[in-house]
Structure formats: structure tokens, C-alpha cells
């Protein structure tokens, strides 16, 4: 499994460069005054969004990352170079926490997000700074301030507009392929999906909606059963929830009830999001049965494409009503 959504690393900012003791010594100024320059500042540690990343896999073997130290000052009052910042690139949806207390430092949710989490040490002063009428030949200088070290935790909660919720083998992966450009693993047995899959629908005008197929939920997933809490949190940032039900199951309404209860037990507020019920596999049914869930229900066949356009159109309508993107009536 290559999907990694948690990591802990140690990061250090750079030490400030030392000030230097130096005196001007030139042919026509053999007794020139002090000219020791200041040290450079140590590099900061920043966390930055990278829209091309979708996992924290890069941090599996990187346990200690450090910014560059500042350079020491130089003669002729030359300032030492500042240390290069350490920029840690993470996927959108990454929460950065100070460990072990798990205090949230920042939440990377938008492209272009960049936060400084550690400042580099200040550079030391060269002996030029200590010259005075009573101290014409100063040998004083100060050393650069040390950098800071911190253990941080990275926790990825996938950002997607639409989250798929359903039991194993409900056809979520097939539906993801039908709605988007994703090509997840598809097979006729439970738990084909062992990691969250992401897909994107994009029209010719550049309008985009992203989908997240969360690994199959089972009863008591909120208690950690099945894949449980490992992936339930990945639907926390979605705008719309799709409950995907297997139309060939005779207990389809009970399936919905169990799924809804799992979401409510995990996070009651999550269930308040906009929702649709999608009954899949209608290509295998002789007759389409009435399904009573209390929610808007759309019957589809992800395999044959039946009613997929209808479902996509409804998702777009709801998305636009929430965000106002591509439509005039944004809901606050």
C-alpha cells in the first residue's frame, strides 16, 4: 500500500551565523578600524501546499529535516549570507501539528497556502558594532542564535468536493470511473478499494468537481472495525455525500440506515452536509424497486452508464448552489 496519510518528522530551523572580528589592514591604512561583518540569519521552516501531491509517502524515510545555517560575517563589513529556508511540500488537506501535544500549527487547504512554523536564528554581531570613542579596537562579537527544533505530525484529510459512502462491493469504484477520469482497481469482490481513490470531472470550460471513493464502510466502522477510522476522516472535508447502495441487495433500506448511523456516530455534523442516495447496479434488476430513505434518490448503472449523466447533472446543480461557481445563487 503506497498511500500514507500520517507521518511524524523532526524539523529544525537554521542557526544564525556568527559575527566576526576583523580590522581593516590596507597599504595606506595599516591601523584601520574594525570592519567585522554580521552573521547571516538562519533559514526558516515553512510548510507549503503542493497540488500535485496526494499522499505523505515522501516522509516515510525522511525523519529529520533541517534548514540551512546562516553564514558567518566577513571582513570589510560584509554581512554573512542568510541560510536557505526549508520548504516542506505537503498535499492539500494536510493538518500540521506540534507533537506530542498535537497542537494544530496550520491547516493546508488552499493552493498557494504557505506557513512559517519555525524561525531561523538571528545572526551575530561583528566587532564593527562595538566600536566607540572609548573602545577604538573592539574584539567583542556575538555568536549567532541557535535554530529551533520541533517534532511535527502531518495528518492528511483528503480534500474532495464529493465523498462516496457505501459498503464493500457496492460499485463505488466503477461509479468513480464513470463520473471522472479516475481508473481505480475494479473487481467483483469486497474491499477492492484499500486506499482512498480520487477522481476529477472537468468540462470544456475548466469547471471541475473532485470525487473521493472512501474504502468500504462496515457496521461499527466508527469504532474502528473494518477499515474504520483509518479512512472515515477523509470525508470530513467533502461538500456533498453520496450514499452508494447495491440495488441487488434485498435489504437495501437497512444498508442505508446502517451507513447513515455510522456517519452520525462518527461526526453528527457530517451528516448535515448535502446528500444524495445512489442506487447502483440497476442493469441487474428486472424491476426498479421503490427505496424509502427520506433523501433524493437516483437509480443508475455505473457499469452501463445508465442515468450517469442525470446523476452528474444533479451533483453539479448542488455543487453550484453551495459554492456559486458557475451559477448565480451561492448558498452561504
C-alpha atoms as a PDB file:
ATOM      1  CA  UNK A   1       0.000   0.000   0.000  1.00  0.00           C
ATOM      2  CA  UNK A   2       1.578   3.274  -1.137  1.00  0.00           C
ATOM      3  CA  UNK A   3      -1.000   5.642   0.333  1.00  0.00           C
ATOM      4  CA  UNK A   4       0.319   7.162   3.552  1.00  0.00           C
ATOM      5  CA  UNK A   5      -1.836   9.726   5.350  1.00  0.00           C
ATOM      6  CA  UNK A   6       0.086  10.163   8.618  1.00  0.00           C
ATOM      7  CA  UNK A   7       3.722  10.963   9.289  1.00  0.00           C
ATOM      8  CA  UNK A   8       5.860  12.323  12.094  1.00  0.00           C
ATOM      9  CA  UNK A   9       9.135  14.108  11.445  1.00  0.00           C
ATOM     10  CA  UNK A  10      11.588  16.345  13.272  1.00  0.00           C
ATOM     11  CA  UNK A  11      12.323  19.745  11.741  1.00  0.00           C
ATOM     12  CA  UNK A  12      14.988  22.294  12.655  1.00  0.00           C
ATOM     13  CA  UNK A  13      15.469  25.887  11.612  1.00  0.00           C
ATOM     14  CA  UNK A  14      18.932  27.144  10.781  1.00  0.00           C
ATOM     15  CA  UNK A  15      21.422  28.589  13.264  1.00  0.00           C
ATOM     16  CA  UNK A  16      22.373  32.226  12.806  1.00  0.00           C
ATOM     17  CA  UNK A  17      25.880  32.898  11.552  1.00  0.00           C
ATOM     18  CA  UNK A  18      28.449  34.269  13.979  1.00  0.00           C
ATOM     19  CA  UNK A  19      29.668  37.827  13.865  1.00  0.00           C
ATOM     20  CA  UNK A  20      33.351  38.200  13.049  1.00  0.00           C
ATOM     21  CA  UNK A  21      36.286  40.115  14.497  1.00  0.00           C
ATOM     22  CA  UNK A  22      38.261  41.836  11.770  1.00  0.00           C
ATOM     23  CA  UNK A  23      40.277  45.051  11.322  1.00  0.00           C
ATOM     24  CA  UNK A  24      40.958  46.999   8.206  1.00  0.00           C
ATOM     25  CA  UNK A  25      44.518  46.377   7.048  1.00  0.00           C
ATOM     26  CA  UNK A  26      45.455  48.076   3.831  1.00  0.00           C
ATOM     27  CA  UNK A  27      48.602  49.632   2.424  1.00  0.00           C
ATOM     28  CA  UNK A  28      47.630  53.185   3.279  1.00  0.00           C
ATOM     29  CA  UNK A  29      45.583  52.337   6.371  1.00  0.00           C
ATOM     30  CA  UNK A  30      47.732  49.980   8.453  1.00  0.00           C
ATOM     31  CA  UNK A  31      45.779  50.854  11.575  1.00  0.00           C
ATOM     32  CA  UNK A  32      42.297  50.912  10.130  1.00  0.00           C
ATOM     33  CA  UNK A  33      39.328  50.433  12.382  1.00  0.00           C
ATOM     34  CA  UNK A  34      37.140  47.376  12.942  1.00  0.00           C
ATOM     35  CA  UNK A  35      35.389  46.005   9.860  1.00  0.00           C
ATOM     36  CA  UNK A  36      33.952  42.678  11.051  1.00  0.00           C
ATOM     37  CA  UNK A  37      30.572  41.946   9.480  1.00  0.00           C
ATOM     38  CA  UNK A  38      27.425  40.459  10.993  1.00  0.00           C
ATOM     39  CA  UNK A  39      26.383  36.856  10.602  1.00  0.00           C
ATOM     40  CA  UNK A  40      23.504  35.852   8.360  1.00  0.00           C
ATOM     41  CA  UNK A  41      20.110  34.721   9.631  1.00  0.00           C
ATOM     42  CA  UNK A  42      19.359  31.012   9.808  1.00  0.00           C
ATOM     43  CA  UNK A  43      16.784  29.577   7.428  1.00  0.00           C
ATOM     44  CA  UNK A  44      13.131  29.305   8.444  1.00  0.00           C
ATOM     45  CA  UNK A  45      10.999  26.159   8.241  1.00  0.00           C
ATOM     46  CA  UNK A  46       7.840  26.529   6.149  1.00  0.00           C
ATOM     47  CA  UNK A  47       5.028  24.205   5.121  1.00  0.00           C
ATOM     48  CA  UNK A  48       3.655  24.733   1.620  1.00  0.00           C
ATOM     49  CA  UNK A  49       0.764  23.318  -0.425  1.00  0.00           C
ATOM     50  CA  UNK A  50       1.611  21.113  -3.399  1.00  0.00           C
ATOM     51  CA  UNK A  51      -1.412  20.382  -5.580  1.00  0.00           C
ATOM     52  CA  UNK A  52       0.436  17.540  -7.335  1.00  0.00           C
ATOM     53  CA  UNK A  53       0.841  15.522  -4.131  1.00  0.00           C
ATOM     54  CA  UNK A  54      -1.862  13.176  -2.820  1.00  0.00           C
ATOM     55  CA  UNK A  55      -0.024  11.221  -0.115  1.00  0.00           C
ATOM     56  CA  UNK A  56       2.564  11.715   2.623  1.00  0.00           C
ATOM     57  CA  UNK A  57       4.676   8.894   1.209  1.00  0.00           C
ATOM     58  CA  UNK A  58       7.670  11.210   0.750  1.00  0.00           C
ATOM     59  CA  UNK A  59       8.066  11.417   4.528  1.00  0.00           C
ATOM     60  CA  UNK A  60       8.229   7.680   5.150  1.00  0.00           C
ATOM     61  CA  UNK A  61      12.018   7.699   5.205  1.00  0.00           C
ATOM     62  CA  UNK A  62      12.654  11.380   5.975  1.00  0.00           C
ATOM     63  CA  UNK A  63      12.717  11.680   9.741  1.00  0.00           C
ATOM     64  CA  UNK A  64      14.796  14.829  10.306  1.00  0.00           C
ATOM     65  CA  UNK A  65      14.769  17.838   8.008  1.00  0.00           C
ATOM     66  CA  UNK A  66      16.839  20.951   8.640  1.00  0.00           C
ATOM     67  CA  UNK A  67      17.024  24.451   7.201  1.00  0.00           C
ATOM     68  CA  UNK A  68      20.402  25.878   6.249  1.00  0.00           C
ATOM     69  CA  UNK A  69      22.530  27.742   8.800  1.00  0.00           C
ATOM     70  CA  UNK A  70      23.421  31.368   8.224  1.00  0.00           C
ATOM     71  CA  UNK A  71      26.979  32.197   7.154  1.00  0.00           C
ATOM     72  CA  UNK A  72      29.412  33.907   9.481  1.00  0.00           C
ATOM     73  CA  UNK A  73      30.174  37.557   8.879  1.00  0.00           C
ATOM     74  CA  UNK A  74      33.154  38.562   6.789  1.00  0.00           C
ATOM     75  CA  UNK A  75      35.797  41.266   6.795  1.00  0.00           C
ATOM     76  CA  UNK A  76      35.192  44.628   5.177  1.00  0.00           C
ATOM     77  CA  UNK A  77      31.837  44.810   6.967  1.00  0.00           C
ATOM     78  CA  UNK A  78      30.373  42.134   4.707  1.00  0.00           C
ATOM     79  CA  UNK A  79      27.227  40.514   6.002  1.00  0.00           C
ATOM     80  CA  UNK A  80      27.158  36.720   6.033  1.00  0.00           C
ATOM     81  CA  UNK A  81      24.626  35.108   3.713  1.00  0.00           C
ATOM     82  CA  UNK A  82      21.254  34.104   5.137  1.00  0.00           C
ATOM     83  CA  UNK A  83      20.543  30.392   5.378  1.00  0.00           C
ATOM     84  CA  UNK A  84      18.181  28.895   2.808  1.00  0.00           C
ATOM     85  CA  UNK A  85      14.678  28.226   4.083  1.00  0.00           C
ATOM     86  CA  UNK A  86      13.444  24.660   4.381  1.00  0.00           C
ATOM     87  CA  UNK A  87      10.142  24.394   2.485  1.00  0.00           C
ATOM     88  CA  UNK A  88       8.179  21.229   3.263  1.00  0.00           C
ATOM     89  CA  UNK A  89       5.701  20.463   0.480  1.00  0.00           C
ATOM     90  CA  UNK A  90       2.529  18.612   1.507  1.00  0.00           C
ATOM     91  CA  UNK A  91      -0.780  17.692  -0.183  1.00  0.00           C
ATOM     92  CA  UNK A  92      -3.875  19.832   0.155  1.00  0.00           C
ATOM     93  CA  UNK A  93      -5.800  18.750   3.236  1.00  0.00           C
ATOM     94  CA  UNK A  94      -2.739  18.291   5.454  1.00  0.00           C
ATOM     95  CA  UNK A  95      -3.004  19.355   9.088  1.00  0.00           C
ATOM     96  CA  UNK A  96       0.339  20.170  10.718  1.00  0.00           C
ATOM     97  CA  UNK A  97       0.534  19.567  14.469  1.00  0.00           C
ATOM     98  CA  UNK A  98       3.147  20.183  17.133  1.00  0.00           C
ATOM     99  CA  UNK A  99       3.935  16.888  18.808  1.00  0.00           C
ATOM    100  CA  UNK A 100       3.415  15.304  21.232  1.00  0.00           C
ATOM    101  CA  UNK A 101       0.684  17.689  22.418  1.00  0.00           C
ATOM    102  CA  UNK A 102      -0.931  17.643  18.941  1.00  0.00           C
ATOM    103  CA  UNK A 103      -1.488  21.398  18.910  1.00  0.00           C
ATOM    104  CA  UNK A 104      -2.528  22.464  15.404  1.00  0.00           C
ATOM    105  CA  UNK A 105       0.058  24.746  13.789  1.00  0.00           C
ATOM    106  CA  UNK A 106      -1.612  25.159  10.405  1.00  0.00           C
ATOM    107  CA  UNK A 107      -4.081  23.572   8.017  1.00  0.00           C
ATOM    108  CA  UNK A 108      -3.152  23.403   4.343  1.00  0.00           C
ATOM    109  CA  UNK A 109      -6.439  23.705   2.458  1.00  0.00           C
ATOM    110  CA  UNK A 110      -5.873  26.112  -0.439  1.00  0.00           C
ATOM    111  CA  UNK A 111      -3.443  26.097  -3.370  1.00  0.00           C
ATOM    112  CA  UNK A 112      -0.732  28.585  -2.533  1.00  0.00           C
ATOM    113  CA  UNK A 113      -1.013  28.127   1.245  1.00  0.00           C
ATOM    114  CA  UNK A 114       2.363  28.592   2.915  1.00  0.00           C
ATOM    115  CA  UNK A 115       3.016  28.893   6.653  1.00  0.00           C
ATOM    116  CA  UNK A 116       6.179  29.519   8.638  1.00  0.00           C
ATOM    117  CA  UNK A 117       6.318  27.131  11.593  1.00  0.00           C
ATOM    118  CA  UNK A 118       9.878  27.789  12.847  1.00  0.00           C
ATOM    119  CA  UNK A 119      12.020  30.906  12.605  1.00  0.00           C
ATOM    120  CA  UNK A 120      15.735  30.731  11.962  1.00  0.00           C
ATOM    121  CA  UNK A 121      18.250  32.015  14.488  1.00  0.00           C
ATOM    122  CA  UNK A 122      19.320  35.659  14.314  1.00  0.00           C
ATOM    123  CA  UNK A 123      22.816  36.359  13.050  1.00  0.00           C
ATOM    124  CA  UNK A 124      25.505  37.511  15.467  1.00  0.00           C
ATOM    125  CA  UNK A 125      27.061  40.992  15.505  1.00  0.00           C
ATOM    126  CA  UNK A 126      30.547  41.654  14.127  1.00  0.00           C
ATOM    127  CA  UNK A 127      33.048  43.769  16.030  1.00  0.00           C
ATOM    128  CA  UNK A 128      32.144  46.832  13.932  1.00  0.00           C
ATOM    129  CA  UNK A 129      29.058  47.172  16.138  1.00  0.00           C
ATOM    130  CA  UNK A 130      31.137  47.562  19.289  1.00  0.00           C
ATOM    131  CA  UNK A 131      33.330  50.497  18.235  1.00  0.00           C
ATOM    132  CA  UNK A 132      33.004  53.553  20.491  1.00  0.00           C
ATOM    133  CA  UNK A 133      35.087  56.603  21.466  1.00  0.00           C
ATOM    134  CA  UNK A 134      36.426  54.634  24.395  1.00  0.00           C
ATOM    135  CA  UNK A 135      36.796  51.352  22.529  1.00  0.00           C
ATOM    136  CA  UNK A 136      38.594  52.015  19.257  1.00  0.00           C
ATOM    137  CA  UNK A 137      39.877  48.452  18.889  1.00  0.00           C
ATOM    138  CA  UNK A 138      36.952  46.209  19.859  1.00  0.00           C
ATOM    139  CA  UNK A 139      37.457  42.479  19.938  1.00  0.00           C
ATOM    140  CA  UNK A 140      33.891  41.822  21.001  1.00  0.00           C
ATOM    141  CA  UNK A 141      31.457  39.955  18.768  1.00  0.00           C
ATOM    142  CA  UNK A 142      28.372  37.814  19.311  1.00  0.00           C
ATOM    143  CA  UNK A 143      27.589  34.360  18.072  1.00  0.00           C
ATOM    144  CA  UNK A 144      24.511  33.598  16.058  1.00  0.00           C
ATOM    145  CA  UNK A 145      21.377  32.474  17.851  1.00  0.00           C
ATOM    146  CA  UNK A 146      20.648  28.753  17.637  1.00  0.00           C
ATOM    147  CA  UNK A 147      17.857  27.426  15.490  1.00  0.00           C
ATOM    148  CA  UNK A 148      14.759  25.736  16.867  1.00  0.00           C
ATOM    149  CA  UNK A 149      13.814  22.070  16.698  1.00  0.00           C
ATOM    150  CA  UNK A 150      10.332  20.624  16.807  1.00  0.00           C
ATOM    151  CA  UNK A 151       8.659  17.289  16.226  1.00  0.00           C
ATOM    152  CA  UNK A 152       5.653  17.733  13.974  1.00  0.00           C
ATOM    153  CA  UNK A 153       2.852  15.440  12.945  1.00  0.00           C
ATOM    154  CA  UNK A 154       1.378  15.517   9.443  1.00  0.00           C
ATOM    155  CA  UNK A 155      -2.185  14.261   9.047  1.00  0.00           C
ATOM    156  CA  UNK A 156      -3.792  14.164   5.624  1.00  0.00           C
ATOM    157  CA  UNK A 157      -7.554  14.565   5.343  1.00  0.00           C
ATOM    158  CA  UNK A 158      -8.290  14.382   1.624  1.00  0.00           C
ATOM    159  CA  UNK A 159      -9.960  17.395   0.074  1.00  0.00           C
ATOM    160  CA  UNK A 160     -12.676  16.463  -2.395  1.00  0.00           C
ATOM    161  CA  UNK A 161     -15.997  18.009  -3.348  1.00  0.00           C
ATOM    162  CA  UNK A 162     -17.952  14.757  -3.297  1.00  0.00           C
ATOM    163  CA  UNK A 163     -17.406  11.797  -0.969  1.00  0.00           C
ATOM    164  CA  UNK A 164     -18.614   8.258  -1.745  1.00  0.00           C
ATOM    165  CA  UNK A 165     -20.017   6.238   1.157  1.00  0.00           C
ATOM    166  CA  UNK A 166     -21.024   2.623   0.744  1.00  0.00           C
ATOM    167  CA  UNK A 167     -20.467  -0.953   1.742  1.00  0.00           C
ATOM    168  CA  UNK A 168     -17.761  -3.000   0.042  1.00  0.00           C
ATOM    169  CA  UNK A 169     -18.747  -4.151  -3.460  1.00  0.00           C
ATOM    170  CA  UNK A 170     -21.471  -1.505  -3.866  1.00  0.00           C
ATOM    171  CA  UNK A 171     -19.834  -0.422  -7.127  1.00  0.00           C
ATOM    172  CA  UNK A 172     -18.195   2.767  -5.859  1.00  0.00           C
ATOM    173  CA  UNK A 173     -15.005   2.299  -7.868  1.00  0.00           C
ATOM    174  CA  UNK A 174     -16.959   1.698 -11.067  1.00  0.00           C
ATOM    175  CA  UNK A 175     -19.046   4.781 -10.362  1.00  0.00           C
ATOM    176  CA  UNK A 176     -15.902   6.834  -9.774  1.00  0.00           C
ATOM    177  CA  UNK A 177     -14.622   5.812 -13.192  1.00  0.00           C
ATOM    178  CA  UNK A 178     -17.968   6.630 -14.782  1.00  0.00           C
ATOM    179  CA  UNK A 179     -18.125  10.120 -13.248  1.00  0.00           C
ATOM    180  CA  UNK A 180     -14.499  11.120 -13.606  1.00  0.00           C
ATOM    181  CA  UNK A 181     -11.168  10.433 -15.230  1.00  0.00           C
ATOM    182  CA  UNK A 182     -10.047   8.097 -12.428  1.00  0.00           C
ATOM    183  CA  UNK A 183      -9.093   4.492 -13.170  1.00  0.00           C
ATOM    184  CA  UNK A 184      -9.345   2.696  -9.818  1.00  0.00           C
ATOM    185  CA  UNK A 185      -8.978  -1.035  -9.356  1.00  0.00           C
ATOM    186  CA  UNK A 186     -12.328  -2.680 -10.062  1.00  0.00           C
ATOM    187  CA  UNK A 187     -13.274  -6.266  -9.254  1.00  0.00           C
ATOM    188  CA  UNK A 188     -16.274  -8.246  -8.101  1.00  0.00           C
ATOM    189  CA  UNK A 189     -15.234  -8.881  -4.522  1.00  0.00           C
ATOM    190  CA  UNK A 190     -15.363  -6.871  -1.288  1.00  0.00           C
ATOM    191  CA  UNK A 191     -12.659  -4.438  -0.238  1.00  0.00           C
ATOM    192  CA  UNK A 192     -11.181  -3.987  -3.709  1.00  0.00           C
ATOM    193  CA  UNK A 193     -10.527  -0.413  -2.592  1.00  0.00           C
ATOM    194  CA  UNK A 194      -7.991  -0.413   0.225  1.00  0.00           C
ATOM    195  CA  UNK A 195      -6.946   3.199  -0.172  1.00  0.00           C
ATOM    196  CA  UNK A 196      -8.942   6.351  -0.992  1.00  0.00           C
ATOM    197  CA  UNK A 197      -9.202   6.958  -4.718  1.00  0.00           C
ATOM    198  CA  UNK A 198      -9.573  10.440  -6.177  1.00  0.00           C
ATOM    199  CA  UNK A 199     -11.174  11.384  -9.458  1.00  0.00           C
ATOM    200  CA  UNK A 200     -11.941  14.654 -11.221  1.00  0.00           C
ATOM    201  CA  UNK A 201     -14.691  15.688 -13.620  1.00  0.00           C
ATOM    202  CA  UNK A 202     -13.765  18.667 -15.796  1.00  0.00           C
ATOM    203  CA  UNK A 203     -15.813  20.206 -18.587  1.00  0.00           C
ATOM    204  CA  UNK A 204     -14.552  22.083 -21.645  1.00  0.00           C
ATOM    205  CA  UNK A 205     -14.787  25.397 -19.763  1.00  0.00           C
ATOM    206  CA  UNK A 206     -12.473  24.231 -16.985  1.00  0.00           C
ATOM    207  CA  UNK A 207     -15.261  23.691 -14.416  1.00  0.00           C
ATOM    208  CA  UNK A 208     -14.054  20.950 -12.049  1.00  0.00           C
ATOM    209  CA  UNK A 209     -15.560  18.703  -9.396  1.00  0.00           C
ATOM    210  CA  UNK A 210     -13.440  16.213  -7.469  1.00  0.00           C
ATOM    211  CA  UNK A 211     -14.628  12.876  -6.070  1.00  0.00           C
ATOM    212  CA  UNK A 212     -13.221  10.702  -3.284  1.00  0.00           C
ATOM    213  CA  UNK A 213     -14.027   6.994  -3.140  1.00  0.00           C
ATOM    214  CA  UNK A 214     -13.508   6.090   0.514  1.00  0.00           C
ATOM    215  CA  UNK A 215     -12.737   2.413   1.270  1.00  0.00           C
ATOM    216  CA  UNK A 216     -15.827   0.380   2.101  1.00  0.00           C
ATOM    217  CA  UNK A 217     -17.521   1.087   5.406  1.00  0.00           C
ATOM    218  CA  UNK A 218     -18.885  -1.728   7.557  1.00  0.00           C
ATOM    219  CA  UNK A 219     -21.123  -1.692  10.608  1.00  0.00           C
ATOM    220  CA  UNK A 220     -19.312  -0.177  13.634  1.00  0.00           C
ATOM    221  CA  UNK A 221     -16.709   1.462  11.399  1.00  0.00           C
ATOM    222  CA  UNK A 222     -16.854   4.473  13.732  1.00  0.00           C
ATOM    223  CA  UNK A 223     -15.441   2.157  16.410  1.00  0.00           C
ATOM    224  CA  UNK A 224     -12.549   1.155  14.185  1.00  0.00           C
ATOM    225  CA  UNK A 225     -13.948  -2.028  12.667  1.00  0.00           C
ATOM    226  CA  UNK A 226     -13.071  -2.925   9.091  1.00  0.00           C
ATOM    227  CA  UNK A 227     -11.017  -0.067   7.645  1.00  0.00           C
ATOM    228  CA  UNK A 228     -12.903   2.095  10.133  1.00  0.00           C
ATOM    229  CA  UNK A 229     -11.349   5.246  11.466  1.00  0.00           C
ATOM    230  CA  UNK A 230      -8.381   4.926   9.105  1.00  0.00           C
ATOM    231  CA  UNK A 231     -10.450   6.471   6.327  1.00  0.00           C
ATOM    232  CA  UNK A 232     -13.730   7.837   7.726  1.00  0.00           C
ATOM    233  CA  UNK A 233     -11.986  11.139   8.424  1.00  0.00           C
ATOM    234  CA  UNK A 234     -11.244  11.569   4.724  1.00  0.00           C
ATOM    235  CA  UNK A 235     -14.876  12.509   4.047  1.00  0.00           C
ATOM    236  CA  UNK A 236     -14.815  15.285   6.666  1.00  0.00           C
ATOM    237  CA  UNK A 237     -13.923  17.995   4.121  1.00  0.00           C
ATOM    238  CA  UNK A 238     -16.305  16.995   1.328  1.00  0.00           C
ATOM    239  CA  UNK A 239     -19.188  19.276   0.340  1.00  0.00           C
ATOM    240  CA  UNK A 240     -21.576  16.554  -0.839  1.00  0.00           C
ATOM    241  CA  UNK A 241     -22.091  12.973   0.365  1.00  0.00           C
ATOM    242  CA  UNK A 242     -23.193  10.199  -1.996  1.00  0.00           C
ATOM    243  CA  UNK A 243     -24.589   7.104  -0.319  1.00  0.00           C
ATOM    244  CA  UNK A 244     -23.918   4.325  -2.828  1.00  0.00           C
ATOM    245  CA  UNK A 245     -26.264   1.340  -2.398  1.00  0.00           C
ATOM    246  CA  UNK A 246     -26.220  -2.023  -4.132  1.00  0.00           C
ATOM    247  CA  UNK A 247     -29.567  -2.283  -5.916  1.00  0.00           C
ATOM    248  CA  UNK A 248     -29.399  -6.093  -5.951  1.00  0.00           C
ATOM    249  CA  UNK A 249     -29.417  -6.271  -2.148  1.00  0.00           C
ATOM    250  CA  UNK A 250     -32.854  -7.128  -0.735  1.00  0.00           C
ATOM    251  CA  UNK A 251     -32.081  -5.211   2.476  1.00  0.00           C
ATOM    252  CA  UNK A 252     -31.187  -2.009   0.685  1.00  0.00           C
ATOM    253  CA  UNK A 253     -33.039   0.311   3.080  1.00  0.00           C
ATOM    254  CA  UNK A 254     -31.310  -1.333   6.030  1.00  0.00           C
ATOM    255  CA  UNK A 255     -27.988  -0.791   4.254  1.00  0.00           C
ATOM    256  CA  UNK A 256     -28.714   2.922   4.065  1.00  0.00           C
ATOM    257  CA  UNK A 257     -29.755   3.050   7.713  1.00  0.00           C
ATOM    258  CA  UNK A 258     -26.511   1.400   8.838  1.00  0.00           C
ATOM    259  CA  UNK A 259     -24.381   3.715   6.687  1.00  0.00           C
ATOM    260  CA  UNK A 260     -26.225   6.808   7.908  1.00  0.00           C
ATOM    261  CA  UNK A 261     -25.810   5.719  11.530  1.00  0.00           C
ATOM    262  CA  UNK A 262     -22.079   5.184  11.040  1.00  0.00           C
ATOM    263  CA  UNK A 263     -21.675   8.727   9.710  1.00  0.00           C
ATOM    264  CA  UNK A 264     -23.770  10.209  12.515  1.00  0.00           C
ATOM    265  CA  UNK A 265     -21.870   8.267  15.167  1.00  0.00           C
ATOM    266  CA  UNK A 266     -18.545   9.345  13.722  1.00  0.00           C
ATOM    267  CA  UNK A 267     -19.491  13.005  13.356  1.00  0.00           C
ATOM    268  CA  UNK A 268     -23.090  14.201  13.680  1.00  0.00           C
ATOM    269  CA  UNK A 269     -22.275  17.425  11.850  1.00  0.00           C
ATOM    270  CA  UNK A 270     -21.000  15.484   8.856  1.00  0.00           C
ATOM    271  CA  UNK A 271     -24.441  14.065   8.195  1.00  0.00           C
ATOM    272  CA  UNK A 272     -25.811  17.608   7.837  1.00  0.00           C
ATOM    273  CA  UNK A 273     -23.972  18.047   4.545  1.00  0.00           C
ATOM    274  CA  UNK A 274     -25.860  17.921   1.242  1.00  0.00           C
ATOM    275  CA  UNK A 275     -26.636  14.303   0.411  1.00  0.00           C
ATOM    276  CA  UNK A 276     -27.823  12.087  -2.418  1.00  0.00           C
ATOM    277  CA  UNK A 277     -28.673   8.404  -2.406  1.00  0.00           C
ATOM    278  CA  UNK A 278     -27.435   6.494  -5.456  1.00  0.00           C
ATOM    279  CA  UNK A 279     -28.863   3.036  -6.089  1.00  0.00           C
ATOM    280  CA  UNK A 280     -26.381   1.245  -8.329  1.00  0.00           C
ATOM    281  CA  UNK A 281     -26.482  -1.912 -10.489  1.00  0.00           C
ATOM    282  CA  UNK A 282     -29.964  -1.373 -11.909  1.00  0.00           C
ATOM    283  CA  UNK A 283     -28.780  -3.207 -15.037  1.00  0.00           C
ATOM    284  CA  UNK A 284     -29.105  -6.402 -12.964  1.00  0.00           C
ATOM    285  CA  UNK A 285     -32.701  -5.724 -11.874  1.00  0.00           C
ATOM    286  CA  UNK A 286     -35.883  -6.949 -13.511  1.00  0.00           C
ATOM    287  CA  UNK A 287     -37.822  -4.120 -11.912  1.00  0.00           C
ATOM    288  CA  UNK A 288     -36.624  -0.981 -10.150  1.00  0.00           C
ATOM    289  CA  UNK A 289     -37.985  -1.064  -6.623  1.00  0.00           C
ATOM    290  CA  UNK A 290     -39.044   1.909  -4.556  1.00  0.00           C
ATOM    291  CA  UNK A 291     -36.444   2.827  -1.937  1.00  0.00           C
ATOM    292  CA  UNK A 292     -37.513   4.837   1.103  1.00  0.00           C
ATOM    293  CA  UNK A 293     -34.597   6.752   2.598  1.00  0.00           C
ATOM    294  CA  UNK A 294     -36.073  10.201   3.047  1.00  0.00           C
ATOM    295  CA  UNK A 295     -33.424  11.585   0.694  1.00  0.00           C
ATOM    296  CA  UNK A 296     -33.335  12.325  -3.003  1.00  0.00           C
ATOM    297  CA  UNK A 297     -32.539   9.043  -4.753  1.00  0.00           C
ATOM    298  CA  UNK A 298     -31.159   8.432  -8.223  1.00  0.00           C
ATOM    299  CA  UNK A 299     -31.028   4.966  -9.818  1.00  0.00           C
ATOM    300  CA  UNK A 300     -28.000   4.261 -12.012  1.00  0.00           C
ATOM    301  CA  UNK A 301     -25.873   1.603 -13.591  1.00  0.00           C
ATOM    302  CA  UNK A 302     -22.243   2.610 -13.275  1.00  0.00           C
ATOM    303  CA  UNK A 303     -21.312  -0.359 -15.462  1.00  0.00           C
ATOM    304  CA  UNK A 304     -23.526   0.524 -18.460  1.00  0.00           C
ATOM    305  CA  UNK A 305     -23.680   4.289 -17.886  1.00  0.00           C
ATOM    306  CA  UNK A 306     -27.454   4.374 -17.458  1.00  0.00           C
ATOM    307  CA  UNK A 307     -28.543   7.632 -15.726  1.00  0.00           C
ATOM    308  CA  UNK A 308     -24.922   8.655 -15.066  1.00  0.00           C
ATOM    309  CA  UNK A 309     -25.493  11.952 -16.889  1.00  0.00           C
ATOM    310  CA  UNK A 310     -28.562  12.566 -14.746  1.00  0.00           C
ATOM    311  CA  UNK A 311     -26.574  11.915 -11.575  1.00  0.00           C
ATOM    312  CA  UNK A 312     -23.680  14.112 -12.693  1.00  0.00           C
ATOM    313  CA  UNK A 313     -26.064  16.912 -13.609  1.00  0.00           C
ATOM    314  CA  UNK A 314     -27.670  16.807 -10.172  1.00  0.00           C
ATOM    315  CA  UNK A 315     -24.275  16.796  -8.439  1.00  0.00           C
ATOM    316  CA  UNK A 316     -23.265  19.858 -10.459  1.00  0.00           C
ATOM    317  CA  UNK A 317     -26.513  21.644  -9.528  1.00  0.00           C
ATOM    318  CA  UNK A 318     -25.944  21.027  -5.818  1.00  0.00           C
ATOM    319  CA  UNK A 319     -22.278  21.991  -6.034  1.00  0.00           C
ATOM    320  CA  UNK A 320     -23.110  25.260  -7.754  1.00  0.00           C
ATOM    321  CA  UNK A 321     -25.828  26.074  -5.235  1.00  0.00           C
ATOM    322  CA  UNK A 322     -23.292  25.626  -2.428  1.00  0.00           C
ATOM    323  CA  UNK A 323     -20.345  27.451  -3.976  1.00  0.00           C
ATOM    324  CA  UNK A 324     -21.833  29.790  -6.558  1.00  0.00           C
ATOM    325  CA  UNK A 325     -19.192  28.584  -9.002  1.00  0.00           C
ATOM    326  CA  UNK A 326     -20.739  28.567 -12.446  1.00  0.00           C
ATOM    327  CA  UNK A 327     -24.064  29.815 -11.064  1.00  0.00           C
ATOM    328  CA  UNK A 328     -25.584  32.992  -9.566  1.00  0.00           C
ATOM    329  CA  UNK A 329     -27.076  31.623  -6.340  1.00  0.00           C
ATOM    330  CA  UNK A 330     -24.390  30.633  -3.876  1.00  0.00           C
ATOM    331  CA  UNK A 331     -25.642  29.278  -0.603  1.00  0.00           C
ATOM    332  CA  UNK A 332     -23.849  30.713   2.446  1.00  0.00           C
END
